[in-house]
N, C-alpha and C. Protein backbone atom coordinates (compact mmCIF):
# COMPACT_ATOMS: atom_id res chain seq x y z
N MET A 1 11.00 18.62 26.50
CA MET A 1 11.36 18.78 27.89
C MET A 1 10.15 18.41 28.74
N THR A 2 10.42 17.84 29.90
CA THR A 2 9.33 17.40 30.76
C THR A 2 8.83 18.55 31.62
N ALA A 3 7.55 18.49 31.91
CA ALA A 3 6.94 19.50 32.77
C ALA A 3 7.29 19.19 34.22
N PRO A 4 7.34 20.21 35.06
CA PRO A 4 7.63 19.96 36.48
C PRO A 4 6.55 19.07 37.11
N ASP A 5 6.99 18.21 37.97
CA ASP A 5 6.08 17.34 38.71
C ASP A 5 5.45 18.16 39.83
N PRO A 6 4.15 18.06 40.04
CA PRO A 6 3.51 18.85 41.11
C PRO A 6 4.09 18.56 42.49
N ARG A 7 4.66 17.39 42.69
CA ARG A 7 5.24 17.04 43.99
C ARG A 7 6.53 17.80 44.28
N GLU A 8 7.10 18.42 43.25
CA GLU A 8 8.35 19.15 43.46
C GLU A 8 8.19 20.30 44.44
N ALA A 9 6.98 20.82 44.58
CA ALA A 9 6.75 21.95 45.49
C ALA A 9 7.04 21.56 46.94
N ARG A 10 7.00 20.28 47.24
CA ARG A 10 7.27 19.81 48.61
C ARG A 10 8.76 19.58 48.86
N LEU A 11 9.57 19.69 47.84
CA LEU A 11 11.01 19.47 48.00
C LEU A 11 11.66 20.71 48.59
N PRO A 12 12.85 20.55 49.18
CA PRO A 12 13.57 21.74 49.68
C PRO A 12 13.83 22.73 48.54
N ARG A 13 13.93 23.99 48.90
CA ARG A 13 14.08 25.06 47.91
C ARG A 13 15.32 24.86 47.04
N TRP A 14 16.43 24.42 47.64
CA TRP A 14 17.66 24.25 46.86
C TRP A 14 17.48 23.15 45.81
N VAL A 15 16.68 22.12 46.10
CA VAL A 15 16.43 21.07 45.12
C VAL A 15 15.57 21.61 43.98
N GLN A 16 14.57 22.39 44.33
CA GLN A 16 13.72 23.00 43.30
C GLN A 16 14.54 23.89 42.37
N ASP A 17 15.44 24.69 42.97
CA ASP A 17 16.30 25.56 42.17
C ASP A 17 17.20 24.74 41.25
N LYS A 18 17.73 23.64 41.76
CA LYS A 18 18.59 22.77 40.95
C LYS A 18 17.82 22.18 39.79
N LEU A 19 16.59 21.73 40.02
CA LEU A 19 15.76 21.18 38.95
C LEU A 19 15.46 22.23 37.87
N VAL A 20 15.17 23.45 38.29
CA VAL A 20 14.93 24.53 37.33
C VAL A 20 16.19 24.78 36.51
N SER A 21 17.33 24.80 37.18
CA SER A 21 18.60 25.02 36.48
C SER A 21 18.88 23.90 35.48
N LEU A 22 18.64 22.66 35.88
CA LEU A 22 18.86 21.54 34.96
C LEU A 22 17.92 21.58 33.77
N ARG A 23 16.67 21.94 34.00
CA ARG A 23 15.71 22.06 32.88
C ARG A 23 16.17 23.15 31.90
N ARG A 24 16.68 24.25 32.44
CA ARG A 24 17.18 25.33 31.59
C ARG A 24 18.37 24.86 30.76
N ARG A 25 19.27 24.08 31.39
CA ARG A 25 20.43 23.55 30.65
C ARG A 25 20.00 22.59 29.55
N VAL A 26 19.00 21.76 29.82
CA VAL A 26 18.48 20.84 28.80
C VAL A 26 17.88 21.64 27.65
N ALA A 27 17.10 22.66 27.95
CA ALA A 27 16.50 23.49 26.89
C ALA A 27 17.58 24.17 26.07
N ASP A 28 18.63 24.68 26.72
CA ASP A 28 19.73 25.32 26.00
C ASP A 28 20.46 24.32 25.10
N ALA A 29 20.70 23.11 25.62
CA ALA A 29 21.38 22.08 24.82
C ALA A 29 20.54 21.67 23.62
N GLU A 30 19.23 21.55 23.81
CA GLU A 30 18.36 21.21 22.68
C GLU A 30 18.35 22.31 21.63
N ALA A 31 18.37 23.57 22.08
CA ALA A 31 18.42 24.69 21.13
C ALA A 31 19.73 24.69 20.35
N GLU A 32 20.86 24.40 21.04
CA GLU A 32 22.16 24.31 20.35
C GLU A 32 22.15 23.18 19.34
N ARG A 33 21.62 22.04 19.74
CA ARG A 33 21.54 20.89 18.83
C ARG A 33 20.73 21.23 17.58
N ASP A 34 19.59 21.86 17.78
CA ASP A 34 18.74 22.21 16.64
C ASP A 34 19.42 23.23 15.74
N ALA A 35 20.12 24.20 16.33
CA ALA A 35 20.84 25.19 15.53
C ALA A 35 21.95 24.54 14.72
N ALA A 36 22.66 23.58 15.33
CA ALA A 36 23.74 22.88 14.62
C ALA A 36 23.16 22.06 13.47
N ARG A 37 22.04 21.42 13.69
CA ARG A 37 21.40 20.65 12.62
C ARG A 37 20.97 21.56 11.47
N LEU A 38 20.38 22.70 11.81
CA LEU A 38 19.93 23.63 10.76
C LEU A 38 21.10 24.18 9.96
N ALA A 39 22.26 24.32 10.59
CA ALA A 39 23.44 24.88 9.91
C ALA A 39 24.06 23.91 8.92
N THR A 40 23.63 22.64 8.90
CA THR A 40 24.26 21.66 8.03
C THR A 40 23.74 21.70 6.60
N ASP A 41 22.64 22.37 6.33
CA ASP A 41 22.05 22.49 5.00
C ASP A 41 21.81 21.13 4.34
N PRO A 42 20.85 20.36 4.85
CA PRO A 42 20.60 19.03 4.31
C PRO A 42 20.19 19.04 2.84
N GLU A 43 19.60 20.11 2.37
CA GLU A 43 19.17 20.16 0.96
C GLU A 43 20.35 20.13 0.00
N ALA A 44 21.50 20.68 0.42
CA ALA A 44 22.68 20.72 -0.45
C ALA A 44 23.63 19.56 -0.17
N SER A 45 23.29 18.69 0.76
CA SER A 45 24.16 17.57 1.13
C SER A 45 23.85 16.35 0.29
N SER A 46 24.88 15.57 0.03
CA SER A 46 24.66 14.32 -0.68
C SER A 46 24.31 13.18 0.27
N ALA A 47 24.46 13.39 1.57
CA ALA A 47 24.09 12.39 2.57
C ALA A 47 23.40 13.10 3.72
N VAL A 48 22.30 12.53 4.17
CA VAL A 48 21.51 13.14 5.24
C VAL A 48 21.20 12.10 6.30
N LEU A 49 21.42 12.45 7.57
CA LEU A 49 21.06 11.59 8.69
C LEU A 49 19.71 12.02 9.24
N ASP A 50 19.03 11.11 9.86
CA ASP A 50 17.72 11.40 10.46
C ASP A 50 16.79 12.04 9.45
N GLN A 51 16.69 11.42 8.31
CA GLN A 51 15.87 11.96 7.23
C GLN A 51 14.44 12.24 7.68
N TYR A 52 13.92 11.44 8.58
CA TYR A 52 12.53 11.62 9.00
C TYR A 52 12.40 12.35 10.32
N ALA A 53 13.50 12.87 10.85
CA ALA A 53 13.45 13.64 12.09
C ALA A 53 12.93 15.04 11.79
N ASP A 54 12.64 15.77 12.84
CA ASP A 54 12.17 17.14 12.66
C ASP A 54 13.20 18.00 11.96
N ILE A 55 14.47 17.80 12.30
CA ILE A 55 15.55 18.58 11.69
C ILE A 55 16.63 17.62 11.23
N PRO A 56 16.66 17.27 9.94
CA PRO A 56 17.68 16.34 9.44
C PRO A 56 19.08 16.97 9.46
N ILE A 57 20.10 16.11 9.47
CA ILE A 57 21.49 16.55 9.50
C ILE A 57 22.13 16.28 8.15
N GLY A 58 22.59 17.33 7.48
CA GLY A 58 23.31 17.16 6.22
C GLY A 58 24.78 16.90 6.50
N LEU A 59 25.37 15.94 5.80
CA LEU A 59 26.76 15.59 6.04
C LEU A 59 27.73 16.27 5.08
N GLY A 60 27.25 17.09 4.20
CA GLY A 60 28.12 17.78 3.26
C GLY A 60 27.94 17.29 1.84
N ARG A 61 28.46 18.04 0.90
CA ARG A 61 28.23 17.75 -0.51
C ARG A 61 28.86 16.44 -0.98
N HIS A 62 30.05 16.13 -0.53
CA HIS A 62 30.73 14.91 -0.99
C HIS A 62 31.00 13.96 0.18
N ALA A 63 29.99 13.78 1.01
CA ALA A 63 30.15 12.91 2.19
C ALA A 63 30.24 11.45 1.77
N ARG A 64 31.00 10.70 2.52
CA ARG A 64 31.08 9.24 2.37
C ARG A 64 30.52 8.63 3.64
N VAL A 65 29.68 7.65 3.48
CA VAL A 65 29.06 6.98 4.61
C VAL A 65 29.49 5.53 4.59
N THR A 66 30.00 5.03 5.70
CA THR A 66 30.43 3.63 5.79
C THR A 66 29.52 2.88 6.74
N PHE A 67 29.04 1.75 6.27
CA PHE A 67 28.23 0.85 7.08
C PHE A 67 29.10 -0.34 7.44
N LYS A 68 29.18 -0.67 8.70
CA LYS A 68 29.97 -1.81 9.13
C LYS A 68 29.01 -2.91 9.56
N LEU A 69 28.92 -3.92 8.73
CA LEU A 69 28.07 -5.06 8.99
C LEU A 69 28.94 -6.20 9.51
N ALA A 70 28.35 -7.30 9.85
CA ALA A 70 29.10 -8.41 10.43
C ALA A 70 30.26 -8.85 9.53
N ASP A 71 30.01 -9.08 8.25
CA ASP A 71 31.04 -9.59 7.36
C ASP A 71 31.40 -8.63 6.23
N LEU A 72 30.88 -7.42 6.28
CA LEU A 72 31.05 -6.54 5.13
C LEU A 72 31.04 -5.08 5.58
N ASN A 73 32.05 -4.35 5.16
CA ASN A 73 32.06 -2.89 5.33
C ASN A 73 31.77 -2.28 3.97
N VAL A 74 30.77 -1.45 3.89
CA VAL A 74 30.37 -0.84 2.63
C VAL A 74 30.46 0.66 2.77
N THR A 75 31.16 1.31 1.84
CA THR A 75 31.23 2.76 1.79
C THR A 75 30.43 3.24 0.60
N ILE A 76 29.54 4.18 0.86
CA ILE A 76 28.67 4.70 -0.19
C ILE A 76 28.90 6.20 -0.31
N TYR A 77 29.05 6.66 -1.54
CA TYR A 77 29.18 8.09 -1.77
C TYR A 77 28.68 8.42 -3.16
N ARG A 78 28.42 9.68 -3.39
CA ARG A 78 27.97 10.14 -4.70
C ARG A 78 29.16 10.76 -5.41
N ASP A 79 29.38 10.34 -6.65
CA ASP A 79 30.52 10.90 -7.39
C ASP A 79 30.11 12.20 -8.07
N ASP A 80 31.03 12.81 -8.80
CA ASP A 80 30.78 14.10 -9.43
C ASP A 80 29.71 14.05 -10.51
N TRP A 81 29.40 12.88 -11.03
CA TRP A 81 28.40 12.77 -12.08
C TRP A 81 27.02 12.44 -11.52
N GLY A 82 26.90 12.34 -10.22
CA GLY A 82 25.61 12.08 -9.61
C GLY A 82 25.30 10.61 -9.44
N ALA A 83 26.24 9.75 -9.80
CA ALA A 83 26.01 8.31 -9.63
C ALA A 83 26.37 7.90 -8.21
N LEU A 84 25.77 6.85 -7.73
CA LEU A 84 26.06 6.32 -6.42
C LEU A 84 27.15 5.27 -6.55
N GLN A 85 28.23 5.44 -5.82
CA GLN A 85 29.35 4.50 -5.83
C GLN A 85 29.29 3.67 -4.55
N VAL A 86 29.44 2.36 -4.68
CA VAL A 86 29.44 1.47 -3.53
C VAL A 86 30.72 0.66 -3.56
N MET A 87 31.50 0.71 -2.48
CA MET A 87 32.75 -0.04 -2.38
C MET A 87 32.69 -0.90 -1.13
N GLY A 88 33.13 -2.16 -1.25
CA GLY A 88 33.13 -3.06 -0.10
C GLY A 88 34.52 -3.57 0.20
N ASN A 89 34.71 -4.09 1.41
CA ASN A 89 36.01 -4.65 1.78
C ASN A 89 36.15 -6.10 1.31
N GLN A 90 35.13 -6.64 0.70
CA GLN A 90 35.15 -7.98 0.12
C GLN A 90 34.06 -8.04 -0.94
N PRO A 91 34.05 -9.07 -1.78
CA PRO A 91 33.00 -9.15 -2.81
C PRO A 91 31.61 -9.18 -2.19
N PHE A 92 30.70 -8.50 -2.82
CA PHE A 92 29.32 -8.48 -2.34
C PHE A 92 28.37 -8.61 -3.51
N ALA A 93 27.13 -8.91 -3.19
CA ALA A 93 26.10 -9.05 -4.21
C ALA A 93 25.00 -8.04 -3.93
N VAL A 94 24.41 -7.55 -5.01
CA VAL A 94 23.29 -6.61 -4.90
C VAL A 94 22.04 -7.37 -5.34
N HIS A 95 21.09 -7.47 -4.44
CA HIS A 95 19.86 -8.22 -4.70
C HIS A 95 18.68 -7.25 -4.76
N PRO A 96 18.04 -7.13 -5.92
CA PRO A 96 16.83 -6.30 -5.98
C PRO A 96 15.73 -6.93 -5.12
N SER A 97 15.06 -6.12 -4.32
CA SER A 97 13.97 -6.65 -3.51
C SER A 97 12.65 -5.96 -3.82
N ALA A 98 12.70 -4.86 -4.54
CA ALA A 98 11.51 -4.16 -5.02
C ALA A 98 11.96 -3.27 -6.16
N SER A 99 11.03 -2.59 -6.80
CA SER A 99 11.41 -1.76 -7.95
C SER A 99 12.31 -0.59 -7.55
N ASN A 100 12.29 -0.21 -6.28
CA ASN A 100 13.13 0.90 -5.83
C ASN A 100 13.98 0.55 -4.61
N THR A 101 14.26 -0.74 -4.40
CA THR A 101 15.00 -1.18 -3.22
C THR A 101 15.97 -2.30 -3.60
N VAL A 102 17.19 -2.22 -3.06
CA VAL A 102 18.15 -3.31 -3.23
C VAL A 102 18.72 -3.67 -1.87
N GLU A 103 19.20 -4.90 -1.76
CA GLU A 103 19.91 -5.36 -0.58
C GLU A 103 21.35 -5.65 -0.98
N ILE A 104 22.30 -5.24 -0.15
CA ILE A 104 23.70 -5.50 -0.38
C ILE A 104 24.16 -6.47 0.69
N ALA A 105 24.74 -7.59 0.27
CA ALA A 105 25.16 -8.61 1.22
C ALA A 105 26.46 -9.23 0.73
N PRO A 106 27.22 -9.84 1.64
CA PRO A 106 28.44 -10.55 1.20
C PRO A 106 28.07 -11.61 0.16
N ARG A 107 28.90 -11.73 -0.86
CA ARG A 107 28.63 -12.74 -1.89
C ARG A 107 28.91 -14.12 -1.33
N SER A 108 27.99 -15.02 -1.58
CA SER A 108 28.19 -16.39 -1.08
C SER A 108 29.27 -17.07 -1.89
N SER A 109 29.97 -18.00 -1.28
CA SER A 109 31.07 -18.70 -1.95
C SER A 109 30.54 -19.98 -2.59
N GLU A 110 29.66 -19.81 -3.56
CA GLU A 110 29.07 -20.97 -4.25
C GLU A 110 29.93 -21.41 -5.39
């Protein structure tokens, strides 16, 4: 939240009161957001959003995440055995780019 601007003291009293009220509403909304994020239990979730944020969001134990790319929709989820399942709306290729990284792209029609 932003600190009050020192020039606000020169504003009419009703404007100052409105700014204080709006700051309070922002603080309340941020507290609600953080509480909702904490309630998602990211440690027990199979999919997590904002992994590097202060408070990550867990999507649930059997969440499915769909990525919509220009030519390919890919749905990723974890099955009951702990394996990662990837399904596409058309054929795709998996290209290793590092020892722990892959790229998924539409398969070329060669």
